[in-house]
């Protein structure tokens, strides 16, 4: 091989390797929320999805974004309770994230859909006559994914 072609060949190999590495990084960003092979989306419409999501722990694990952003109020914060934001990995979460229907009935918890558009939705879990209020935010990216929890309970 002539000496002039060696530097060009090396340059082409390095360029190809760089493009391949960048492509691999970009592909890893758009993996399923749980990072597993995945299961089929339980429902395209949000009301049906949330019904199934709240009843099945394995669906909650599969359709939750990791790390999951969780906001919680710090009652010790002065002059009033302030937010603490954490980003939790799957092994740091306690499932079920949303209690199933029978548990909600037993604990007198109410679930309400606050909003549902083509790409975003939220629900609130409350307990009447208490300050218990937890809001769950979902986004749609092929299927609905839990992306944030806001626990405003004190």
N, C-alpha and C. Protein backbone atom coordinates (compact mmCIF):
# COMPACT_ATOMS: atom_id res chain seq x y z
N UNK A 1 0.85 -1.16 0.00
CA UNK A 1 0.00 0.00 0.00
C UNK A 1 0.90 1.23 0.00
N UNK A 2 0.66 2.19 -0.89
CA UNK A 2 1.48 3.39 -0.91
C UNK A 2 1.36 4.13 0.42
N UNK A 3 2.43 4.84 0.78
CA UNK A 3 2.48 5.53 2.08
C UNK A 3 1.41 6.61 2.21
N UNK A 4 0.96 7.20 1.13
CA UNK A 4 -0.06 8.25 1.20
C UNK A 4 -1.43 7.68 1.58
N UNK A 5 -1.69 6.43 1.24
CA UNK A 5 -2.99 5.82 1.53
C UNK A 5 -3.11 5.37 2.99
N UNK A 6 -1.97 5.08 3.66
CA UNK A 6 -2.02 4.64 5.05
C UNK A 6 -2.66 5.70 5.95
N UNK A 7 -2.23 6.97 5.89
CA UNK A 7 -2.87 7.97 6.75
C UNK A 7 -4.36 8.13 6.44
N UNK A 8 -4.72 8.07 5.16
CA UNK A 8 -6.13 8.19 4.80
C UNK A 8 -6.93 7.00 5.32
N UNK A 9 -6.37 5.82 5.25
CA UNK A 9 -7.04 4.62 5.74
C UNK A 9 -7.23 4.71 7.25
N UNK A 10 -6.19 5.12 7.96
CA UNK A 10 -6.28 5.27 9.42
C UNK A 10 -7.32 6.32 9.78
N UNK A 11 -7.31 7.44 9.07
CA UNK A 11 -8.30 8.50 9.31
C UNK A 11 -9.72 7.99 9.09
N UNK A 12 -9.92 7.25 8.01
CA UNK A 12 -11.25 6.70 7.70
C UNK A 12 -11.71 5.73 8.78
N UNK A 13 -10.80 4.90 9.27
CA UNK A 13 -11.15 3.96 10.35
C UNK A 13 -11.52 4.70 11.63
N UNK A 14 -10.75 5.72 11.98
CA UNK A 14 -11.05 6.49 13.19
C UNK A 14 -12.39 7.21 13.06
N UNK A 15 -12.65 7.76 11.89
CA UNK A 15 -13.92 8.46 11.65
C UNK A 15 -15.09 7.50 11.76
N UNK A 16 -14.95 6.32 11.17
CA UNK A 16 -16.01 5.31 11.24
C UNK A 16 -16.26 4.89 12.68
N UNK A 17 -15.19 4.68 13.44
CA UNK A 17 -15.32 4.27 14.83
C UNK A 17 -16.01 5.36 15.65
N UNK A 18 -15.68 6.61 15.38
CA UNK A 18 -16.30 7.73 16.10
C UNK A 18 -17.80 7.81 15.80
N UNK A 19 -18.18 7.67 14.54
CA UNK A 19 -19.59 7.71 14.16
C UNK A 19 -20.33 6.54 14.78
N UNK A 20 -19.73 5.36 14.79
CA UNK A 20 -20.37 4.18 15.39
C UNK A 20 -20.59 4.39 16.88
N UNK A 21 -19.60 4.93 17.58
CA UNK A 21 -19.73 5.17 19.02
C UNK A 21 -20.84 6.17 19.31
N UNK A 22 -20.92 7.24 18.52
CA UNK A 22 -21.96 8.25 18.72
C UNK A 22 -23.34 7.65 18.46
N UNK A 23 -23.45 6.82 17.42
CA UNK A 23 -24.72 6.17 17.11
C UNK A 23 -25.14 5.24 18.25
N UNK A 24 -24.19 4.51 18.82
CA UNK A 24 -24.50 3.59 19.93
C UNK A 24 -24.98 4.37 21.14
N UNK A 25 -24.39 5.52 21.42
CA UNK A 25 -24.81 6.36 22.55
C UNK A 25 -26.22 6.86 22.32
N UNK A 26 -26.51 7.35 21.12
CA UNK A 26 -27.85 7.88 20.83
C UNK A 26 -28.90 6.78 20.92
N UNK A 27 -28.58 5.57 20.47
CA UNK A 27 -29.54 4.47 20.56
C UNK A 27 -29.80 4.08 22.01
N UNK A 28 -28.81 4.17 22.87
CA UNK A 28 -29.01 3.78 24.27
C UNK A 28 -29.90 4.77 25.00
N UNK A 29 -30.00 6.00 24.55
CA UNK A 29 -30.83 7.01 25.19
C UNK A 29 -32.30 6.71 24.99
N UNK A 30 -32.67 6.12 23.88
CA UNK A 30 -34.08 5.91 23.58
C UNK A 30 -34.55 4.49 23.87
N UNK A 31 -33.93 3.83 24.84
CA UNK A 31 -34.39 2.51 25.24
C UNK A 31 -35.69 2.64 26.02
N UNK A 32 -36.42 1.53 26.18
CA UNK A 32 -37.64 1.57 26.98
C UNK A 32 -37.37 2.11 28.37
N UNK A 33 -38.40 2.65 29.00
CA UNK A 33 -38.26 3.28 30.30
C UNK A 33 -37.57 2.39 31.31
N UNK A 34 -37.89 1.13 31.33
CA UNK A 34 -37.33 0.24 32.32
C UNK A 34 -35.99 -0.35 31.89
N UNK A 35 -35.63 -0.16 30.63
CA UNK A 35 -34.39 -0.70 30.14
C UNK A 35 -34.46 -2.18 29.82
N UNK A 36 -35.63 -2.78 29.90
CA UNK A 36 -35.78 -4.20 29.59
C UNK A 36 -36.40 -4.37 28.22
N UNK A 37 -36.52 -5.61 27.81
CA UNK A 37 -37.11 -5.90 26.50
C UNK A 37 -38.53 -5.38 26.41
N UNK A 38 -39.24 -5.37 27.52
CA UNK A 38 -40.54 -4.74 27.57
C UNK A 38 -41.70 -5.67 27.31
N UNK A 39 -42.86 -5.17 27.71
CA UNK A 39 -44.13 -5.84 27.44
C UNK A 39 -44.96 -4.88 26.61
N UNK A 40 -46.02 -5.39 26.03
CA UNK A 40 -46.87 -4.55 25.20
C UNK A 40 -47.53 -3.46 26.04
N UNK A 41 -47.75 -2.32 25.42
CA UNK A 41 -48.43 -1.21 26.08
C UNK A 41 -49.83 -1.67 26.49
N UNK A 42 -50.20 -1.50 27.77
CA UNK A 42 -51.50 -1.97 28.25
C UNK A 42 -52.69 -1.29 27.59
N UNK A 43 -52.54 -0.01 27.19
CA UNK A 43 -53.65 0.73 26.56
C UNK A 43 -53.12 2.03 25.98
N UNK A 44 -53.70 2.43 24.86
CA UNK A 44 -53.30 3.69 24.23
C UNK A 44 -53.97 4.89 24.89
N UNK A 45 -55.23 4.72 25.32
CA UNK A 45 -55.93 5.85 25.95
C UNK A 45 -55.58 5.87 27.44
N UNK A 46 -55.42 7.09 27.98
CA UNK A 46 -54.93 7.23 29.35
C UNK A 46 -55.86 6.64 30.41
N UNK A 47 -57.17 6.86 30.38
CA UNK A 47 -58.02 6.28 31.43
C UNK A 47 -57.90 4.76 31.55
N UNK A 48 -57.84 4.06 30.42
CA UNK A 48 -57.68 2.60 30.46
C UNK A 48 -56.28 2.23 30.94
N UNK A 49 -55.28 2.98 30.47
CA UNK A 49 -53.90 2.72 30.89
C UNK A 49 -53.77 2.86 32.40
N UNK A 50 -54.29 3.95 32.97
CA UNK A 50 -54.09 4.19 34.41
C UNK A 50 -54.83 3.15 35.24
N UNK A 51 -55.95 2.66 34.74
CA UNK A 51 -56.67 1.60 35.45
C UNK A 51 -55.79 0.35 35.54
N UNK A 52 -55.15 -0.02 34.44
CA UNK A 52 -54.30 -1.21 34.42
C UNK A 52 -52.99 -0.95 35.18
N UNK A 53 -52.42 0.25 35.02
CA UNK A 53 -51.18 0.62 35.70
C UNK A 53 -51.35 0.53 37.22
N UNK A 54 -52.47 1.02 37.72
CA UNK A 54 -52.68 1.03 39.17
C UNK A 54 -52.95 -0.36 39.74
N UNK A 55 -53.38 -1.29 38.92
CA UNK A 55 -53.72 -2.63 39.41
C UNK A 55 -52.57 -3.64 39.32
N UNK A 56 -51.61 -3.41 38.45
CA UNK A 56 -50.58 -4.42 38.18
C UNK A 56 -49.18 -3.89 38.49
N UNK A 57 -48.56 -4.46 39.49
CA UNK A 57 -47.22 -4.03 39.90
C UNK A 57 -46.20 -4.20 38.77
N UNK A 58 -46.29 -5.29 38.00
CA UNK A 58 -45.32 -5.49 36.92
C UNK A 58 -45.49 -4.43 35.82
N UNK A 59 -46.70 -3.94 35.62
CA UNK A 59 -46.91 -2.86 34.65
C UNK A 59 -46.30 -1.57 35.19
N UNK A 60 -46.44 -1.32 36.48
CA UNK A 60 -45.82 -0.13 37.08
C UNK A 60 -44.31 -0.17 36.92
N UNK A 61 -43.71 -1.32 37.15
CA UNK A 61 -42.26 -1.44 37.02
C UNK A 61 -41.81 -1.21 35.58
N UNK A 62 -42.59 -1.71 34.64
CA UNK A 62 -42.23 -1.64 33.22
C UNK A 62 -42.43 -0.25 32.63
N UNK A 63 -43.45 0.48 33.07
CA UNK A 63 -43.80 1.75 32.46
C UNK A 63 -43.52 2.93 33.39
N UNK A 64 -42.37 2.86 34.06
CA UNK A 64 -41.86 3.94 34.90
C UNK A 64 -40.50 4.33 34.37
N UNK A 65 -40.26 5.62 34.28
CA UNK A 65 -38.98 6.13 33.81
C UNK A 65 -37.97 6.06 34.95
N UNK A 66 -36.78 5.58 34.67
CA UNK A 66 -35.72 5.51 35.67
C UNK A 66 -34.53 6.33 35.19
N UNK A 67 -33.95 7.14 36.05
CA UNK A 67 -34.40 7.41 37.41
C UNK A 67 -35.71 8.20 37.41
N UNK A 68 -36.55 7.93 38.40
CA UNK A 68 -37.84 8.58 38.55
C UNK A 68 -37.67 9.81 39.43
N UNK A 69 -38.16 10.95 38.95
CA UNK A 69 -38.08 12.18 39.74
C UNK A 69 -39.20 12.16 40.78
N UNK A 70 -38.82 12.37 42.04
CA UNK A 70 -39.80 12.38 43.13
C UNK A 70 -39.60 13.63 43.96
N UNK A 71 -40.65 14.43 44.03
CA UNK A 71 -40.65 15.64 44.85
C UNK A 71 -41.43 15.33 46.12
N UNK A 72 -40.86 15.71 47.25
CA UNK A 72 -41.51 15.50 48.54
C UNK A 72 -41.29 16.76 49.36
N UNK A 73 -42.29 17.12 50.16
CA UNK A 73 -42.15 18.30 51.01
C UNK A 73 -41.38 17.96 52.28
N UNK A 74 -40.50 18.89 52.67
CA UNK A 74 -39.74 18.75 53.90
C UNK A 74 -40.45 19.54 54.99
N UNK A 75 -41.11 18.87 55.94
CA UNK A 75 -41.86 19.59 56.97
C UNK A 75 -40.97 20.39 57.92
N UNK A 76 -39.68 20.10 57.94
CA UNK A 76 -38.75 20.81 58.82
C UNK A 76 -38.24 22.11 58.20
N UNK A 77 -38.48 22.30 56.93
CA UNK A 77 -38.02 23.49 56.22
C UNK A 77 -38.71 24.73 56.78
N UNK A 78 -37.97 25.83 56.89
CA UNK A 78 -38.51 27.08 57.43
C UNK A 78 -38.43 28.18 56.37
N UNK A 79 -39.35 29.09 56.28
CA UNK A 79 -40.49 29.33 57.17
C UNK A 79 -41.68 28.41 56.90
N UNK A 80 -41.67 27.69 55.79
CA UNK A 80 -42.74 26.75 55.48
C UNK A 80 -42.13 25.53 54.80
N UNK A 81 -42.88 24.43 54.72
CA UNK A 81 -42.33 23.23 54.09
C UNK A 81 -41.84 23.50 52.67
N UNK A 82 -40.64 23.03 52.38
CA UNK A 82 -40.05 23.23 51.06
C UNK A 82 -39.84 21.91 50.35
N UNK A 83 -39.69 21.96 49.03
CA UNK A 83 -39.56 20.71 48.26
C UNK A 83 -38.15 20.11 48.33
N UNK A 84 -38.12 18.80 48.36
CA UNK A 84 -36.89 18.03 48.21
C UNK A 84 -37.09 17.18 46.96
N UNK A 85 -36.18 17.28 46.00
CA UNK A 85 -36.31 16.51 44.76
C UNK A 85 -35.22 15.43 44.75
N UNK A 86 -35.66 14.21 44.50
CA UNK A 86 -34.74 13.08 44.39
C UNK A 86 -34.97 12.39 43.05
N UNK A 87 -33.94 11.75 42.57
CA UNK A 87 -34.03 10.95 41.34
C UNK A 87 -33.74 9.50 41.74
N UNK A 88 -34.79 8.69 41.71
CA UNK A 88 -34.71 7.33 42.24
C UNK A 88 -34.62 6.28 41.15
N UNK A 89 -33.73 5.33 41.38
CA UNK A 89 -33.60 4.18 40.48
C UNK A 89 -34.59 3.11 40.92
N UNK A 90 -34.79 2.15 40.06
CA UNK A 90 -35.80 1.11 40.30
C UNK A 90 -35.64 0.44 41.66
N UNK A 91 -34.40 0.13 42.04
CA UNK A 91 -34.17 -0.57 43.31
C UNK A 91 -34.38 0.33 44.53
N UNK A 92 -34.58 1.63 44.32
CA UNK A 92 -34.84 2.56 45.42
C UNK A 92 -36.33 2.83 45.61
N UNK A 93 -37.15 2.28 44.74
CA UNK A 93 -38.59 2.51 44.81
C UNK A 93 -39.29 1.35 45.51
N UNK A 94 -40.38 1.67 46.17
CA UNK A 94 -41.22 0.64 46.79
C UNK A 94 -42.47 0.49 45.92
N UNK A 95 -42.69 -0.73 45.46
CA UNK A 95 -43.85 -1.03 44.62
C UNK A 95 -44.91 -1.72 45.45
N UNK A 96 -46.16 -1.51 45.15
CA UNK A 96 -46.68 -0.70 44.05
C UNK A 96 -46.55 0.79 44.34
N UNK A 97 -46.27 1.55 43.30
CA UNK A 97 -46.15 3.00 43.42
C UNK A 97 -47.54 3.60 43.65
N UNK A 98 -48.52 3.11 42.91
CA UNK A 98 -49.92 3.49 43.12
C UNK A 98 -50.61 2.25 43.68
N UNK A 99 -51.25 2.38 44.83
CA UNK A 99 -51.91 1.21 45.41
C UNK A 99 -53.04 0.70 44.51
N UNK A 100 -53.24 -0.62 44.47
CA UNK A 100 -54.36 -1.17 43.68
C UNK A 100 -55.70 -0.78 44.29
N UNK A 101 -56.75 -0.99 43.52
CA UNK A 101 -58.09 -0.52 43.89
C UNK A 101 -58.53 -0.98 45.28
N UNK A 102 -58.35 -2.25 45.60
CA UNK A 102 -58.81 -2.75 46.90
C UNK A 102 -58.07 -2.06 48.05
N UNK A 103 -56.79 -1.84 47.88
CA UNK A 103 -56.02 -1.13 48.92
C UNK A 103 -56.48 0.32 49.03
N UNK A 104 -56.77 0.95 47.89
CA UNK A 104 -57.28 2.33 47.92
C UNK A 104 -58.61 2.39 48.67
N UNK A 105 -59.48 1.42 48.43
CA UNK A 105 -60.76 1.37 49.13
C UNK A 105 -60.53 1.21 50.63
N UNK A 106 -59.67 0.27 51.01
CA UNK A 106 -59.37 0.02 52.43
C UNK A 106 -58.78 1.24 53.13
N UNK A 107 -57.95 2.00 52.41
CA UNK A 107 -57.30 3.18 53.00
C UNK A 107 -58.07 4.46 52.73
N UNK A 108 -59.23 4.36 52.09
CA UNK A 108 -60.08 5.50 51.73
C UNK A 108 -59.36 6.52 50.85
N UNK A 109 -58.58 6.02 49.90
CA UNK A 109 -57.88 6.88 48.96
C UNK A 109 -58.71 7.04 47.70
N UNK A 110 -58.69 8.25 47.15
CA UNK A 110 -59.42 8.55 45.91
C UNK A 110 -58.40 8.88 44.82
N UNK A 111 -58.67 8.37 43.62
CA UNK A 111 -57.81 8.67 42.48
C UNK A 111 -58.62 9.49 41.48
N UNK A 112 -57.98 10.53 40.94
CA UNK A 112 -58.67 11.43 40.01
C UNK A 112 -57.73 11.78 38.87
N UNK A 113 -58.24 11.72 37.64
CA UNK A 113 -57.46 12.17 36.48
C UNK A 113 -57.58 13.68 36.42
N UNK A 114 -56.45 14.37 36.53
CA UNK A 114 -56.43 15.83 36.50
C UNK A 114 -56.41 16.37 35.08
N UNK A 115 -55.56 15.76 34.26
CA UNK A 115 -55.45 16.19 32.87
C UNK A 115 -54.97 15.02 32.02
N UNK A 116 -55.35 15.05 30.76
CA UNK A 116 -54.91 14.02 29.82
C UNK A 116 -54.99 14.61 28.42
N UNK A 117 -53.82 14.86 27.84
CA UNK A 117 -53.76 15.35 26.46
C UNK A 117 -53.09 14.26 25.62
N UNK A 118 -52.73 14.60 24.40
CA UNK A 118 -52.12 13.61 23.51
C UNK A 118 -50.77 13.13 24.03
N UNK A 119 -50.03 13.99 24.74
CA UNK A 119 -48.68 13.61 25.16
C UNK A 119 -48.39 13.67 26.64
N UNK A 120 -49.29 14.25 27.43
CA UNK A 120 -49.06 14.41 28.88
C UNK A 120 -50.34 14.10 29.62
N UNK A 121 -50.19 13.59 30.84
CA UNK A 121 -51.35 13.32 31.69
C UNK A 121 -50.90 13.34 33.14
N UNK A 122 -51.85 13.61 34.04
CA UNK A 122 -51.54 13.54 35.46
C UNK A 122 -52.76 13.08 36.24
N UNK A 123 -52.50 12.41 37.34
CA UNK A 123 -53.55 11.98 38.26
C UNK A 123 -53.16 12.42 39.66
N UNK A 124 -54.15 12.52 40.54
CA UNK A 124 -53.87 12.83 41.94
C UNK A 124 -54.53 11.77 42.81
N UNK A 125 -53.77 11.31 43.78
CA UNK A 125 -54.26 10.37 44.77
C UNK A 125 -54.44 11.16 46.06
N UNK A 126 -55.65 11.17 46.61
CA UNK A 126 -55.95 11.95 47.82
C UNK A 126 -56.67 11.09 48.84
N UNK A 127 -56.65 11.58 50.07
CA UNK A 127 -57.45 10.99 51.14
C UNK A 127 -58.30 12.12 51.70
N UNK A 128 -59.63 12.00 51.57
CA UNK A 128 -60.52 13.08 52.03
C UNK A 128 -60.27 13.45 53.50
N UNK A 129 -60.41 14.74 53.77
CA UNK A 129 -60.27 15.30 55.12
C UNK A 129 -58.88 15.14 55.71
N UNK A 130 -57.87 14.98 54.84
CA UNK A 130 -56.48 14.94 55.30
C UNK A 130 -55.65 15.78 54.33
N UNK A 131 -54.38 15.94 54.63
CA UNK A 131 -53.49 16.66 53.71
C UNK A 131 -52.80 15.71 52.72
N UNK A 132 -53.21 14.45 52.70
CA UNK A 132 -52.60 13.46 51.81
C UNK A 132 -52.93 13.80 50.36
N UNK A 133 -51.88 14.11 49.59
CA UNK A 133 -52.05 14.48 48.18
C UNK A 133 -50.79 14.12 47.41
N UNK A 134 -50.90 13.16 46.51
CA UNK A 134 -49.77 12.73 45.69
C UNK A 134 -50.18 12.81 44.23
N UNK A 135 -49.41 13.56 43.46
CA UNK A 135 -49.70 13.73 42.03
C UNK A 135 -48.67 12.94 41.22
N UNK A 136 -49.17 12.23 40.21
CA UNK A 136 -48.35 11.40 39.33
C UNK A 136 -48.42 11.98 37.92
N UNK A 137 -47.25 12.22 37.33
CA UNK A 137 -47.16 12.81 35.99
C UNK A 137 -46.68 11.75 34.99
N UNK A 138 -47.37 11.68 33.88
CA UNK A 138 -47.06 10.72 32.83
C UNK A 138 -46.79 11.46 31.52
N UNK A 139 -45.96 10.86 30.68
CA UNK A 139 -45.77 11.35 29.31
C UNK A 139 -46.00 10.17 28.38
N UNK A 140 -46.35 10.49 27.15
CA UNK A 140 -46.58 9.43 26.17
C UNK A 140 -45.45 9.44 25.16
N UNK A 141 -44.77 8.31 25.09
CA UNK A 141 -43.70 8.12 24.13
C UNK A 141 -43.86 6.69 23.60
N UNK A 142 -44.84 6.52 22.72
CA UNK A 142 -45.22 5.18 22.28
C UNK A 142 -46.26 4.61 23.23
N UNK A 143 -45.98 4.68 24.52
CA UNK A 143 -46.93 4.27 25.56
C UNK A 143 -46.79 5.27 26.71
N UNK A 144 -47.71 5.25 27.63
CA UNK A 144 -47.65 6.14 28.79
C UNK A 144 -46.54 5.67 29.73
N UNK A 145 -45.77 6.65 30.23
CA UNK A 145 -44.64 6.38 31.13
C UNK A 145 -44.76 7.31 32.33
N UNK A 146 -44.68 6.77 33.54
CA UNK A 146 -44.63 7.60 34.74
C UNK A 146 -43.27 8.27 34.79
N UNK A 147 -43.26 9.62 34.83
CA UNK A 147 -41.99 10.33 34.80
C UNK A 147 -41.72 11.15 36.06
N UNK A 148 -42.75 11.41 36.87
CA UNK A 148 -42.54 12.28 38.04
C UNK A 148 -43.64 12.03 39.07
N UNK A 149 -43.25 12.08 40.33
CA UNK A 149 -44.21 12.01 41.44
C UNK A 149 -44.01 13.25 42.29
N UNK A 150 -45.11 13.90 42.64
CA UNK A 150 -45.07 15.05 43.56
C UNK A 150 -45.90 14.70 44.78
N UNK A 151 -45.24 14.49 45.90
CA UNK A 151 -45.93 14.18 47.15
C UNK A 151 -46.03 15.48 47.95
N UNK A 152 -47.21 16.07 47.96
CA UNK A 152 -47.45 17.35 48.65
C UNK A 152 -48.02 17.14 50.06
N UNK A 153 -48.01 15.91 50.52
CA UNK A 153 -48.52 15.62 51.86
C UNK A 153 -47.54 16.15 52.91
N UNK A 154 -48.08 16.54 54.03
CA UNK A 154 -47.23 17.02 55.13
C UNK A 154 -47.39 16.09 56.32
